[in-house]
PDB file of N, CA and C in Angstrom:
ATOM      1  N   UNK A   1     108.626  35.616  79.349  1.00  0.00           N
ATOM      2  CA  UNK A   1     108.939  34.802  80.442  1.00  0.00           C
ATOM      3  C   UNK A   1     108.265  33.504  80.265  1.00  0.00           C
ATOM      4  N   UNK A   2     108.784  32.306  80.707  1.00  0.00           N
ATOM      5  CA  UNK A   2     108.241  31.070  80.604  1.00  0.00           C
ATOM      6  C   UNK A   2     107.286  30.734  81.648  1.00  0.00           C
ATOM      7  N   UNK A   3     106.660  29.610  81.470  1.00  0.00           N
ATOM      8  CA  UNK A   3     105.703  29.101  82.473  1.00  0.00           C
ATOM      9  C   UNK A   3     106.210  29.124  83.897  1.00  0.00           C
ATOM     10  N   UNK A   4     105.482  29.556  84.867  1.00  0.00           N
ATOM     11  CA  UNK A   4     105.865  29.741  86.154  1.00  0.00           C
ATOM     12  C   UNK A   4     107.094  30.535  86.553  1.00  0.00           C
ATOM     13  N   UNK A   5     107.260  31.464  85.550  1.00  0.00           N
ATOM     14  CA  UNK A   5     108.417  32.340  85.841  1.00  0.00           C
ATOM     15  C   UNK A   5     109.830  31.815  85.474  1.00  0.00           C
ATOM     16  N   UNK A   6     109.840  30.635  84.864  1.00  0.00           N
ATOM     17  CA  UNK A   6     111.149  30.131  84.628  1.00  0.00           C
ATOM     18  C   UNK A   6     111.415  30.274  83.066  1.00  0.00           C
ATOM     19  N   UNK A   7     112.838  30.545  82.731  1.00  0.00           N
ATOM     20  CA  UNK A   7     113.254  30.743  81.350  1.00  0.00           C
ATOM     21  C   UNK A   7     112.601  31.913  80.611  1.00  0.00           C
ATOM     22  N   UNK A   8     113.177  32.078  79.458  1.00  0.00           N
ATOM     23  CA  UNK A   8     112.492  33.099  78.519  1.00  0.00           C
ATOM     24  C   UNK A   8     112.986  34.451  78.774  1.00  0.00           C
ATOM     25  N   UNK A   9     113.850  34.692  79.800  1.00  0.00           N
ATOM     26  CA  UNK A   9     114.266  36.181  80.130  1.00  0.00           C
ATOM     27  C   UNK A   9     115.773  35.970  80.450  1.00  0.00           C
ATOM     28  N   UNK A  10     116.599  36.870  79.821  1.00  0.00           N
ATOM     29  CA  UNK A  10     118.036  36.783  80.168  1.00  0.00           C
ATOM     30  C   UNK A  10     118.221  37.423  81.631  1.00  0.00           C
ATOM     31  N   UNK A  11     119.328  36.961  82.284  1.00  0.00           N
ATOM     32  CA  UNK A  11     119.632  37.477  83.534  1.00  0.00           C
ATOM     33  C   UNK A  11     120.201  38.825  83.422  1.00  0.00           C
ATOM     34  N   UNK A  12     119.625  39.852  84.104  1.00  0.00           N
ATOM     35  CA  UNK A  12     120.272  41.173  84.100  1.00  0.00           C
ATOM     36  C   UNK A  12     121.051  41.364  85.361  1.00  0.00           C
ATOM     37  N   UNK A  13     121.958  42.371  85.223  1.00  0.00           N
ATOM     38  CA  UNK A  13     122.844  42.606  86.414  1.00  0.00           C
ATOM     39  C   UNK A  13     121.948  43.488  87.300  1.00  0.00           C
ATOM     40  N   UNK A  14     121.987  43.141  88.552  1.00  0.00           N
ATOM     41  CA  UNK A  14     121.219  43.858  89.721  1.00  0.00           C
ATOM     42  C   UNK A  14     121.917  45.153  89.861  1.00  0.00           C
ATOM     43  N   UNK A  15     120.991  46.231  89.989  1.00  0.00           N
ATOM     44  CA  UNK A  15     121.381  47.444  90.143  1.00  0.00           C
ATOM     45  C   UNK A  15     122.033  47.664  91.587  1.00  0.00           C
ATOM     46  N   UNK A  16     123.111  48.259  91.669  1.00  0.00           N
ATOM     47  CA  UNK A  16     123.815  48.505  93.005  1.00  0.00           C
ATOM     48  C   UNK A  16     123.949  50.051  93.220  1.00  0.00           C
ATOM     49  N   UNK A  17     123.234  50.756  93.869  1.00  0.00           N
ATOM     50  CA  UNK A  17     123.276  52.217  93.965  1.00  0.00           C
ATOM     51  C   UNK A  17     124.427  52.642  94.966  1.00  0.00           C
ATOM     52  N   UNK A  18     125.226  53.730  94.548  1.00  0.00           N
ATOM     53  CA  UNK A  18     126.076  54.354  95.461  1.00  0.00           C
ATOM     54  C   UNK A  18     125.194  55.620  95.834  1.00  0.00           C
ATOM     55  N   UNK A  19     125.039  55.999  97.077  1.00  0.00           N
ATOM     56  CA  UNK A  19     124.241  57.068  97.484  1.00  0.00           C
ATOM     57  C   UNK A  19     125.077  58.309  97.684  1.00  0.00           C
ATOM     58  N   UNK A  20     124.483  59.493  97.228  1.00  0.00           N
ATOM     59  CA  UNK A  20     125.134  60.814  97.432  1.00  0.00           C
ATOM     60  C   UNK A  20     124.265  61.630  98.332  1.00  0.00           C
ATOM     61  N   UNK A  21     125.002  62.103  99.409  1.00  0.00           N
ATOM     62  CA  UNK A  21     124.211  62.996 100.365  1.00  0.00           C
ATOM     63  C   UNK A  21     124.947  64.153 100.740  1.00  0.00           C
ATOM     64  N   UNK A  22     126.156  64.534 100.151  1.00  0.00           N
ATOM     65  CA  UNK A  22     126.913  65.578 100.380  1.00  0.00           C
ATOM     66  C   UNK A  22     127.607  66.116  99.155  1.00  0.00           C
ATOM     67  N   UNK A  23     128.081  67.344  99.203  1.00  0.00           N
ATOM     68  CA  UNK A  23     128.702  67.854  98.117  1.00  0.00           C
ATOM     69  C   UNK A  23     130.077  67.232  97.849  1.00  0.00           C
ATOM     70  N   UNK A  24     130.716  66.730  98.847  1.00  0.00           N
ATOM     71  CA  UNK A  24     132.001  65.959  98.838  1.00  0.00           C
ATOM     72  C   UNK A  24     131.802  64.756  98.158  1.00  0.00           C
ATOM     73  N   UNK A  25     130.792  64.020  98.372  1.00  0.00           N
ATOM     74  CA  UNK A  25     130.337  62.732  97.609  1.00  0.00           C
ATOM     75  C   UNK A  25     130.111  62.935  96.248  1.00  0.00           C
ATOM     76  N   UNK A  26     129.466  64.110  95.939  1.00  0.00           N
ATOM     77  CA  UNK A  26     129.174  64.532  94.593  1.00  0.00           C
ATOM     78  C   UNK A  26     130.564  64.804  93.865  1.00  0.00           C
ATOM     79  N   UNK A  27     131.446  65.487  94.389  1.00  0.00           N
ATOM     80  CA  UNK A  27     132.824  65.642  93.887  1.00  0.00           C
ATOM     81  C   UNK A  27     133.524  64.355  93.564  1.00  0.00           C
ATOM     82  N   UNK A  28     133.447  63.435  94.505  1.00  0.00           N
ATOM     83  CA  UNK A  28     133.991  62.072  94.370  1.00  0.00           C
ATOM     84  C   UNK A  28     133.497  61.409  93.177  1.00  0.00           C
ATOM     85  N   UNK A  29     132.169  61.390  92.995  1.00  0.00           N
ATOM     86  CA  UNK A  29     131.531  60.784  91.953  1.00  0.00           C
ATOM     87  C   UNK A  29     131.963  61.388  90.546  1.00  0.00           C
ATOM     88  N   UNK A  30     132.004  62.789  90.644  1.00  0.00           N
ATOM     89  CA  UNK A  30     132.610  63.416  89.310  1.00  0.00           C
ATOM     90  C   UNK A  30     134.070  63.049  89.107  1.00  0.00           C
ATOM     91  N   UNK A  31     134.905  62.935  90.121  1.00  0.00           N
ATOM     92  CA  UNK A  31     136.222  62.585  89.965  1.00  0.00           C
ATOM     93  C   UNK A  31     136.282  61.177  89.302  1.00  0.00           C
ATOM     94  N   UNK A  32     135.411  60.236  89.760  1.00  0.00           N
ATOM     95  CA  UNK A  32     135.444  58.888  89.306  1.00  0.00           C
ATOM     96  C   UNK A  32     134.972  58.796  87.792  1.00  0.00           C
ATOM     97  N   UNK A  33     134.319  59.817  87.324  1.00  0.00           N
ATOM     98  CA  UNK A  33     133.900  59.847  85.962  1.00  0.00           C
ATOM     99  C   UNK A  33     135.096  60.014  85.031  1.00  0.00           C
ATOM    100  N   UNK A  34     136.317  60.231  85.519  1.00  0.00           N
ATOM    101  CA  UNK A  34     137.400  60.296  84.705  1.00  0.00           C
ATOM    102  C   UNK A  34     138.113  58.913  84.488  1.00  0.00           C
ATOM    103  N   UNK A  35     137.560  58.004  85.330  1.00  0.00           N
ATOM    104  CA  UNK A  35     137.993  56.602  85.149  1.00  0.00           C
ATOM    105  C   UNK A  35     137.013  55.711  84.377  1.00  0.00           C
ATOM    106  N   UNK A  36     135.710  56.051  84.697  1.00  0.00           N
ATOM    107  CA  UNK A  36     134.613  55.386  84.010  1.00  0.00           C
ATOM    108  C   UNK A  36     133.332  56.165  84.219  1.00  0.00           C
ATOM    109  N   UNK A  37     132.334  55.961  83.288  1.00  0.00           N
ATOM    110  CA  UNK A  37     131.276  56.877  83.378  1.00  0.00           C
ATOM    111  C   UNK A  37     130.428  56.606  84.623  1.00  0.00           C
ATOM    112  N   UNK A  38     129.786  57.651  85.066  1.00  0.00           N
ATOM    113  CA  UNK A  38     128.834  57.429  86.189  1.00  0.00           C
ATOM    114  C   UNK A  38     127.533  58.022  85.781  1.00  0.00           C
ATOM    115  N   UNK A  39     126.326  57.512  86.496  1.00  0.00           N
ATOM    116  CA  UNK A  39     125.053  57.948  86.287  1.00  0.00           C
ATOM    117  C   UNK A  39     124.558  58.426  87.568  1.00  0.00           C
ATOM    118  N   UNK A  40     124.014  59.748  87.478  1.00  0.00           N
ATOM    119  CA  UNK A  40     123.460  60.323  88.609  1.00  0.00           C
ATOM    120  C   UNK A  40     122.086  60.227  88.473  1.00  0.00           C
ATOM    121  N   UNK A  41     121.183  59.823  89.435  1.00  0.00           N
ATOM    122  CA  UNK A  41     119.812  59.630  89.440  1.00  0.00           C
ATOM    123  C   UNK A  41     119.256  60.602  90.605  1.00  0.00           C
ATOM    124  N   UNK A  42     118.529  61.677  90.305  1.00  0.00           N
ATOM    125  CA  UNK A  42     118.071  62.659  91.094  1.00  0.00           C
ATOM    126  C   UNK A  42     116.586  62.264  91.360  1.00  0.00           C
ATOM    127  N   UNK A  43     116.221  61.745  92.625  1.00  0.00           N
ATOM    128  CA  UNK A  43     115.025  61.259  92.995  1.00  0.00           C
ATOM    129  C   UNK A  43     114.244  62.069  93.936  1.00  0.00           C
ATOM    130  N   UNK A  44     112.905  62.323  93.588  1.00  0.00           N
ATOM    131  CA  UNK A  44     111.997  62.943  94.592  1.00  0.00           C
ATOM    132  C   UNK A  44     111.129  61.975  95.126  1.00  0.00           C
ATOM    133  N   UNK A  45     111.427  61.812  96.438  1.00  0.00           N
ATOM    134  CA  UNK A  45     110.609  60.839  97.256  1.00  0.00           C
ATOM    135  C   UNK A  45     109.158  61.189  97.308  1.00  0.00           C
ATOM    136  N   UNK A  46     108.685  62.277  96.899  1.00  0.00           N
ATOM    137  CA  UNK A  46     107.210  62.729  97.070  1.00  0.00           C
ATOM    138  C   UNK A  46     106.604  62.714  95.711  1.00  0.00           C
ATOM    139  N   UNK A  47     107.166  62.205  94.735  1.00  0.00           N
ATOM    140  CA  UNK A  47     106.657  62.267  93.312  1.00  0.00           C
ATOM    141  C   UNK A  47     106.366  60.814  92.805  1.00  0.00           C
ATOM    142  N   UNK A  48     105.181  60.643  92.321  1.00  0.00           N
ATOM    143  CA  UNK A  48     104.893  59.370  91.681  1.00  0.00           C
ATOM    144  C   UNK A  48     105.634  59.078  90.301  1.00  0.00           C
ATOM    145  N   UNK A  49     105.940  60.255  89.623  1.00  0.00           N
ATOM    146  CA  UNK A  49     106.568  60.078  88.388  1.00  0.00           C
ATOM    147  C   UNK A  49     107.923  59.674  88.598  1.00  0.00           C
ATOM    148  N   UNK A  50     108.529  60.303  89.627  1.00  0.00           N
ATOM    149  CA  UNK A  50     109.968  59.979  89.972  1.00  0.00           C
ATOM    150  C   UNK A  50     110.052  58.478  90.463  1.00  0.00           C
ATOM    151  N   UNK A  51     109.013  57.915  91.250  1.00  0.00           N
ATOM    152  CA  UNK A  51     109.075  56.659  91.520  1.00  0.00           C
ATOM    153  C   UNK A  51     108.932  55.716  90.375  1.00  0.00           C
ATOM    154  N   UNK A  52     108.159  56.072  89.468  1.00  0.00           N
ATOM    155  CA  UNK A  52     108.005  55.125  88.226  1.00  0.00           C
ATOM    156  C   UNK A  52     109.277  55.166  87.397  1.00  0.00           C
ATOM    157  N   UNK A  53     109.870  56.341  87.296  1.00  0.00           N
ATOM    158  CA  UNK A  53     111.252  56.448  86.673  1.00  0.00           C
ATOM    159  C   UNK A  53     112.301  55.671  87.322  1.00  0.00           C
ATOM    160  N   UNK A  54     112.324  55.650  88.603  1.00  0.00           N
ATOM    161  CA  UNK A  54     113.295  54.797  89.334  1.00  0.00           C
ATOM    162  C   UNK A  54     113.037  53.434  89.213  1.00  0.00           C
ATOM    163  N   UNK A  55     111.772  52.916  89.248  1.00  0.00           N
ATOM    164  CA  UNK A  55     111.438  51.520  88.975  1.00  0.00           C
ATOM    165  C   UNK A  55     111.860  51.094  87.615  1.00  0.00           C
ATOM    166  N   UNK A  56     111.548  51.951  86.583  1.00  0.00           N
ATOM    167  CA  UNK A  56     111.839  51.753  85.206  1.00  0.00           C
ATOM    168  C   UNK A  56     113.272  51.488  85.014  1.00  0.00           C
ATOM    169  N   UNK A  57     114.171  52.332  85.653  1.00  0.00           N
ATOM    170  CA  UNK A  57     115.612  52.313  85.271  1.00  0.00           C
ATOM    171  C   UNK A  57     116.162  51.074  86.142  1.00  0.00           C
ATOM    172  N   UNK A  58     115.645  50.757  87.212  1.00  0.00           N
ATOM    173  CA  UNK A  58     116.189  49.632  88.013  1.00  0.00           C
ATOM    174  C   UNK A  58     115.762  48.273  87.164  1.00  0.00           C
ATOM    175  N   UNK A  59     114.531  48.236  86.657  1.00  0.00           N
ATOM    176  CA  UNK A  59     114.108  47.054  85.950  1.00  0.00           C
ATOM    177  C   UNK A  59     114.849  46.811  84.564  1.00  0.00           C
ATOM    178  N   UNK A  60     115.252  48.013  83.959  1.00  0.00           N
ATOM    179  CA  UNK A  60     115.918  47.893  82.575  1.00  0.00           C
ATOM    180  C   UNK A  60     117.492  47.717  82.799  1.00  0.00           C
ATOM    181  N   UNK A  61     117.975  48.146  83.964  1.00  0.00           N
ATOM    182  CA  UNK A  61     119.407  48.149  84.154  1.00  0.00           C
ATOM    183  C   UNK A  61     119.998  46.775  83.899  1.00  0.00           C
ATOM    184  N   UNK A  62     121.208  46.995  83.126  1.00  0.00           N
ATOM    185  CA  UNK A  62     121.943  45.664  82.778  1.00  0.00           C
ATOM    186  C   UNK A  62     123.337  45.892  82.669  1.00  0.00           C
ATOM    187  N   UNK A  63     123.852  46.844  83.411  1.00  0.00           N
ATOM    188  CA  UNK A  63     125.237  47.155  83.400  1.00  0.00           C
ATOM    189  C   UNK A  63     125.996  46.798  84.673  1.00  0.00           C
ATOM    190  N   UNK A  64     127.226  46.475  84.441  1.00  0.00           N
ATOM    191  CA  UNK A  64     128.106  46.111  85.619  1.00  0.00           C
ATOM    192  C   UNK A  64     128.779  47.399  86.213  1.00  0.00           C
ATOM    193  N   UNK A  65     129.334  47.201  87.388  1.00  0.00           N
ATOM    194  CA  UNK A  65     129.953  48.453  88.000  1.00  0.00           C
ATOM    195  C   UNK A  65     131.196  48.753  87.298  1.00  0.00           C
ATOM    196  N   UNK A  66     131.779  47.926  86.462  1.00  0.00           N
ATOM    197  CA  UNK A  66     132.966  48.148  85.567  1.00  0.00           C
ATOM    198  C   UNK A  66     132.620  49.023  84.384  1.00  0.00           C
ATOM    199  N   UNK A  67     131.354  48.897  83.961  1.00  0.00           N
ATOM    200  CA  UNK A  67     130.825  49.814  82.810  1.00  0.00           C
ATOM    201  C   UNK A  67     130.459  51.086  83.227  1.00  0.00           C
ATOM    202  N   UNK A  68     129.579  51.228  84.173  1.00  0.00           N
ATOM    203  CA  UNK A  68     129.099  52.472  84.671  1.00  0.00           C
ATOM    204  C   UNK A  68     128.718  52.347  86.172  1.00  0.00           C
ATOM    205  N   UNK A  69     128.895  53.451  86.941  1.00  0.00           N
ATOM    206  CA  UNK A  69     128.574  53.344  88.325  1.00  0.00           C
ATOM    207  C   UNK A  69     127.355  54.347  88.570  1.00  0.00           C
ATOM    208  N   UNK A  70     126.283  53.705  89.193  1.00  0.00           N
ATOM    209  CA  UNK A  70     124.955  54.402  89.349  1.00  0.00           C
ATOM    210  C   UNK A  70     125.053  55.236  90.812  1.00  0.00           C
ATOM    211  N   UNK A  71     124.701  56.421  90.769  1.00  0.00           N
ATOM    212  CA  UNK A  71     124.623  57.067  92.100  1.00  0.00           C
ATOM    213  C   UNK A  71     123.229  57.647  92.286  1.00  0.00           C
ATOM    214  N   UNK A  72     122.685  57.649  93.419  1.00  0.00           N
ATOM    215  CA  UNK A  72     121.372  57.936  93.762  1.00  0.00           C
ATOM    216  C   UNK A  72     121.339  59.099  94.634  1.00  0.00           C
ATOM    217  N   UNK A  73     120.530  60.069  94.439  1.00  0.00           N
ATOM    218  CA  UNK A  73     120.303  61.246  95.221  1.00  0.00           C
ATOM    219  C   UNK A  73     118.903  61.460  95.720  1.00  0.00           C
ATOM    220  N   UNK A  74     118.667  61.555  96.895  1.00  0.00           N
ATOM    221  CA  UNK A  74     117.274  61.865  97.439  1.00  0.00           C
ATOM    222  C   UNK A  74     117.231  63.451  97.528  1.00  0.00           C
ATOM    223  N   UNK A  75     116.705  64.027  96.472  1.00  0.00           N
ATOM    224  CA  UNK A  75     116.893  65.414  96.402  1.00  0.00           C
ATOM    225  C   UNK A  75     116.004  66.210  97.385  1.00  0.00           C
ATOM    226  N   UNK A  76     114.991  65.494  97.931  1.00  0.00           N
ATOM    227  CA  UNK A  76     114.211  66.234  98.983  1.00  0.00           C
ATOM    228  C   UNK A  76     115.034  66.333 100.261  1.00  0.00           C
ATOM    229  N   UNK A  77     115.797  65.358 100.563  1.00  0.00           N
ATOM    230  CA  UNK A  77     116.591  65.473 101.799  1.00  0.00           C
ATOM    231  C   UNK A  77     117.922  66.165 101.528  1.00  0.00           C
ATOM    232  N   UNK A  78     118.414  66.315 100.294  1.00  0.00           N
ATOM    233  CA  UNK A  78     119.630  67.002  99.912  1.00  0.00           C
ATOM    234  C   UNK A  78     119.493  67.961  98.805  1.00  0.00           C
ATOM    235  N   UNK A  79     118.672  68.887  98.962  1.00  0.00           N
ATOM    236  CA  UNK A  79     118.360  69.844  97.896  1.00  0.00           C
ATOM    237  C   UNK A  79     119.687  70.514  97.544  1.00  0.00           C
ATOM    238  N   UNK A  80     120.561  70.967  98.482  1.00  0.00           N
ATOM    239  CA  UNK A  80     121.718  71.661  98.234  1.00  0.00           C
ATOM    240  C   UNK A  80     122.641  70.813  97.195  1.00  0.00           C
ATOM    241  N   UNK A  81     122.634  69.474  97.365  1.00  0.00           N
ATOM    242  CA  UNK A  81     123.486  68.745  96.465  1.00  0.00           C
ATOM    243  C   UNK A  81     122.805  68.675  95.107  1.00  0.00           C
ATOM    244  N   UNK A  82     121.525  68.626  95.031  1.00  0.00           N
ATOM    245  CA  UNK A  82     120.952  68.738  93.673  1.00  0.00           C
ATOM    246  C   UNK A  82     121.226  70.067  93.213  1.00  0.00           C
ATOM    247  N   UNK A  83     121.228  71.138  93.749  1.00  0.00           N
ATOM    248  CA  UNK A  83     121.652  72.503  93.188  1.00  0.00           C
ATOM    249  C   UNK A  83     123.135  72.394  92.837  1.00  0.00           C
ATOM    250  N   UNK A  84     123.945  71.764  93.455  1.00  0.00           N
ATOM    251  CA  UNK A  84     125.300  71.697  93.112  1.00  0.00           C
ATOM    252  C   UNK A  84     125.491  70.915  91.886  1.00  0.00           C
ATOM    253  N   UNK A  85     124.731  69.783  91.737  1.00  0.00           N
ATOM    254  CA  UNK A  85     124.807  69.013  90.478  1.00  0.00           C
ATOM    255  C   UNK A  85     124.482  69.950  89.224  1.00  0.00           C
ATOM    256  N   UNK A  86     123.428  70.608  89.368  1.00  0.00           N
ATOM    257  CA  UNK A  86     123.065  71.782  88.239  1.00  0.00           C
ATOM    258  C   UNK A  86     124.097  72.619  87.961  1.00  0.00           C
ATOM    259  N   UNK A  87     124.811  73.198  88.983  1.00  0.00           N
ATOM    260  CA  UNK A  87     125.898  74.154  88.934  1.00  0.00           C
ATOM    261  C   UNK A  87     127.105  73.631  88.218  1.00  0.00           C
ATOM    262  N   UNK A  88     127.574  72.480  88.948  1.00  0.00           N
ATOM    263  CA  UNK A  88     128.908  71.854  88.534  1.00  0.00           C
ATOM    264  C   UNK A  88     128.748  71.284  87.214  1.00  0.00           C
ATOM    265  N   UNK A  89     127.581  70.639  86.749  1.00  0.00           N
ATOM    266  CA  UNK A  89     127.548  70.085  85.535  1.00  0.00           C
ATOM    267  C   UNK A  89     126.946  70.761  84.474  1.00  0.00           C
ATOM    268  N   UNK A  90     126.471  71.992  84.788  1.00  0.00           N
ATOM    269  CA  UNK A  90     125.923  72.815  83.790  1.00  0.00           C
ATOM    270  C   UNK A  90     124.707  72.285  83.217  1.00  0.00           C
ATOM    271  N   UNK A  91     123.702  71.767  83.965  1.00  0.00           N
ATOM    272  CA  UNK A  91     122.501  71.088  83.566  1.00  0.00           C
ATOM    273  C   UNK A  91     121.410  71.834  84.092  1.00  0.00           C
ATOM    274  N   UNK A  92     120.346  71.972  83.509  1.00  0.00           N
ATOM    275  CA  UNK A  92     119.123  72.530  84.097  1.00  0.00           C
ATOM    276  C   UNK A  92     118.465  71.479  85.103  1.00  0.00           C
ATOM    277  N   UNK A  93     118.011  72.133  86.292  1.00  0.00           N
ATOM    278  CA  UNK A  93     117.483  71.080  87.286  1.00  0.00           C
ATOM    279  C   UNK A  93     116.183  70.653  86.827  1.00  0.00           C
ATOM    280  N   UNK A  94     115.972  69.348  87.014  1.00  0.00           N
ATOM    281  CA  UNK A  94     114.708  68.600  86.905  1.00  0.00           C
ATOM    282  C   UNK A  94     114.599  67.595  87.863  1.00  0.00           C
ATOM    283  N   UNK A  95     113.363  67.109  88.070  1.00  0.00           N
ATOM    284  CA  UNK A  95     113.128  66.051  89.068  1.00  0.00           C
ATOM    285  C   UNK A  95     111.952  65.242  88.593  1.00  0.00           C
ATOM    286  N   UNK A  96     112.137  63.958  88.386  1.00  0.00           N
ATOM    287  CA  UNK A  96     113.356  63.145  88.500  1.00  0.00           C
ATOM    288  C   UNK A  96     114.372  63.560  87.269  1.00  0.00           C
ATOM    289  N   UNK A  97     115.595  63.149  87.591  1.00  0.00           N
ATOM    290  CA  UNK A  97     116.529  63.395  86.469  1.00  0.00           C
ATOM    291  C   UNK A  97     117.643  62.420  86.458  1.00  0.00           C
ATOM    292  N   UNK A  98     118.102  61.980  85.265  1.00  0.00           N
ATOM    293  CA  UNK A  98     119.114  61.047  85.139  1.00  0.00           C
ATOM    294  C   UNK A  98     120.265  61.786  84.222  1.00  0.00           C
ATOM    295  N   UNK A  99     121.461  61.693  84.946  1.00  0.00           N
ATOM    296  CA  UNK A  99     122.638  62.509  84.197  1.00  0.00           C
ATOM    297  C   UNK A  99     123.809  61.484  83.961  1.00  0.00           C
ATOM    298  N   UNK A 100     124.256  61.332  82.758  1.00  0.00           N
ATOM    299  CA  UNK A 100     125.470  60.554  82.688  1.00  0.00           C
ATOM    300  C   UNK A 100     126.691  61.404  82.538  1.00  0.00           C
ATOM    301  N   UNK A 101     127.708  61.200  83.361  1.00  0.00           N
ATOM    302  CA  UNK A 101     128.922  62.051  83.430  1.00  0.00           C
ATOM    303  C   UNK A 101     130.156  61.120  82.948  1.00  0.00           C
ATOM    304  N   UNK A 102     130.863  61.785  82.118  1.00  0.00           N
ATOM    305  CA  UNK A 102     132.027  61.134  81.646  1.00  0.00           C
ATOM    306  C   UNK A 102     133.142  62.311  81.681  1.00  0.00           C
ATOM    307  N   UNK A 103     134.349  61.964  82.091  1.00  0.00           N
ATOM    308  CA  UNK A 103     135.507  62.965  82.129  1.00  0.00           C
ATOM    309  C   UNK A 103     135.029  64.204  82.821  1.00  0.00           C
ATOM    310  N   UNK A 104     134.222  64.241  83.861  1.00  0.00           N
ATOM    311  CA  UNK A 104     133.823  65.278  84.680  1.00  0.00           C
ATOM    312  C   UNK A 104     132.696  66.268  83.963  1.00  0.00           C
ATOM    313  N   UNK A 105     132.188  65.718  82.955  1.00  0.00           N
ATOM    314  CA  UNK A 105     131.140  66.678  82.228  1.00  0.00           C
ATOM    315  C   UNK A 105     129.829  65.767  81.903  1.00  0.00           C
ATOM    316  N   UNK A 106     128.767  66.458  81.967  1.00  0.00           N
ATOM    317  CA  UNK A 106     127.474  65.743  81.651  1.00  0.00           C
ATOM    318  C   UNK A 106     127.517  65.517  80.027  1.00  0.00           C
ATOM    319  N   UNK A 107     127.317  64.189  79.706  1.00  0.00           N
ATOM    320  CA  UNK A 107     127.089  63.933  78.355  1.00  0.00           C
ATOM    321  C   UNK A 107     125.764  63.550  77.967  1.00  0.00           C
ATOM    322  N   UNK A 108     124.765  63.389  78.919  1.00  0.00           N
ATOM    323  CA  UNK A 108     123.411  63.185  78.616  1.00  0.00           C
ATOM    324  C   UNK A 108     122.647  63.462  79.864  1.00  0.00           C
ATOM    325  N   UNK A 109     121.452  64.072  79.643  1.00  0.00           N
ATOM    326  CA  UNK A 109     120.608  64.196  80.818  1.00  0.00           C
ATOM    327  C   UNK A 109     119.106  63.983  80.339  1.00  0.00           C
ATOM    328  N   UNK A 110     118.388  63.328  81.160  1.00  0.00           N
ATOM    329  CA  UNK A 110     116.928  63.028  80.735  1.00  0.00           C
ATOM    330  C   UNK A 110     116.175  63.262  82.099  1.00  0.00           C
ATOM    331  N   UNK A 111     114.881  63.626  81.832  1.00  0.00           N
ATOM    332  CA  UNK A 111     114.016  63.763  82.916  1.00  0.00           C
ATOM    333  C   UNK A 111     112.589  63.074  82.613  1.00  0.00           C
ATOM    334  N   UNK A 112     111.940  62.917  83.759  1.00  0.00           N
ATOM    335  CA  UNK A 112     110.524  62.420  83.725  1.00  0.00           C
ATOM    336  C   UNK A 112     110.473  61.073  82.911  1.00  0.00           C
ATOM    337  N   UNK A 113     109.526  61.040  81.935  1.00  0.00           N
ATOM    338  CA  UNK A 113     109.262  59.788  81.271  1.00  0.00           C
ATOM    339  C   UNK A 113     110.410  59.563  80.201  1.00  0.00           C
ATOM    340  N   UNK A 114     111.344  60.498  80.067  1.00  0.00           N
ATOM    341  CA  UNK A 114     112.428  60.113  79.050  1.00  0.00           C
ATOM    342  C   UNK A 114     113.556  59.228  79.582  1.00  0.00           C
ATOM    343  N   UNK A 115     113.471  59.057  81.080  1.00  0.00           N
ATOM    344  CA  UNK A 115     114.483  58.355  81.648  1.00  0.00           C
ATOM    345  C   UNK A 115     114.357  56.867  81.376  1.00  0.00           C
ATOM    346  N   UNK A 116     115.456  56.265  80.742  1.00  0.00           N
ATOM    347  CA  UNK A 116     115.544  54.841  80.318  1.00  0.00           C
ATOM    348  C   UNK A 116     116.865  54.483  80.317  1.00  0.00           C
ATOM    349  N   UNK A 117     117.172  53.282  80.597  1.00  0.00           N
ATOM    350  CA  UNK A 117     118.545  52.596  80.584  1.00  0.00           C
ATOM    351  C   UNK A 117     119.082  52.500  79.153  1.00  0.00           C
ATOM    352  N   UNK A 118     118.217  52.459  78.234  1.00  0.00           N
ATOM    353  CA  UNK A 118     118.612  52.343  76.824  1.00  0.00           C
ATOM    354  C   UNK A 118     119.513  53.620  76.503  1.00  0.00           C
ATOM    355  N   UNK A 119     119.066  54.814  77.033  1.00  0.00           N
ATOM    356  CA  UNK A 119     119.886  56.037  76.708  1.00  0.00           C
ATOM    357  C   UNK A 119     121.335  55.877  77.221  1.00  0.00           C
ATOM    358  N   UNK A 120     121.406  55.138  78.292  1.00  0.00           N
ATOM    359  CA  UNK A 120     122.796  54.949  78.865  1.00  0.00           C
ATOM    360  C   UNK A 120     123.643  53.997  78.113  1.00  0.00           C
ATOM    361  N   UNK A 121     122.975  52.979  77.525  1.00  0.00           N
ATOM    362  CA  UNK A 121     123.662  51.959  76.692  1.00  0.00           C
ATOM    363  C   UNK A 121     124.339  52.488  75.517  1.00  0.00           C
ATOM    364  N   UNK A 122     123.828  53.662  74.982  1.00  0.00           N
ATOM    365  CA  UNK A 122     124.431  54.313  73.772  1.00  0.00           C
ATOM    366  C   UNK A 122     125.766  55.053  74.114  1.00  0.00           C
ATOM    367  N   UNK A 123     125.943  55.359  75.489  1.00  0.00           N
ATOM    368  CA  UNK A 123     127.015  56.071  75.956  1.00  0.00           C
ATOM    369  C   UNK A 123     128.082  55.271  76.683  1.00  0.00           C
ATOM    370  N   UNK A 124     127.907  53.913  76.899  1.00  0.00           N
ATOM    371  CA  UNK A 124     128.798  53.053  77.641  1.00  0.00           C
ATOM    372  C   UNK A 124     129.605  52.295  76.721  1.00  0.00           C
TER     373      UNK A 124
END
């Protein structure tokens, strides 16, 4: 970054979350994955590691909505939806967790300190 915060850093796409709070919205996100990849982020609002992972992915994010659509789940408020994600996508539950879905299937999942936007870049 340049002097006084000007220059030296390329402009990144601002992350625009779509929220999931029901199994119906989860099914819609999975259906969307047949058109373009989606990323599901399961966030525990009571966990500092989850907050750090959320901040990291938001600061590293550089994708447009045409490349991949990010979805956010507050798993404390919507535990049943978190359980449905594990069941429908055949992934082991973790918190925090980032799951990339293509064609209705999980193609990558990461948890805790492994959560990075660079993992998504390899799949988009």
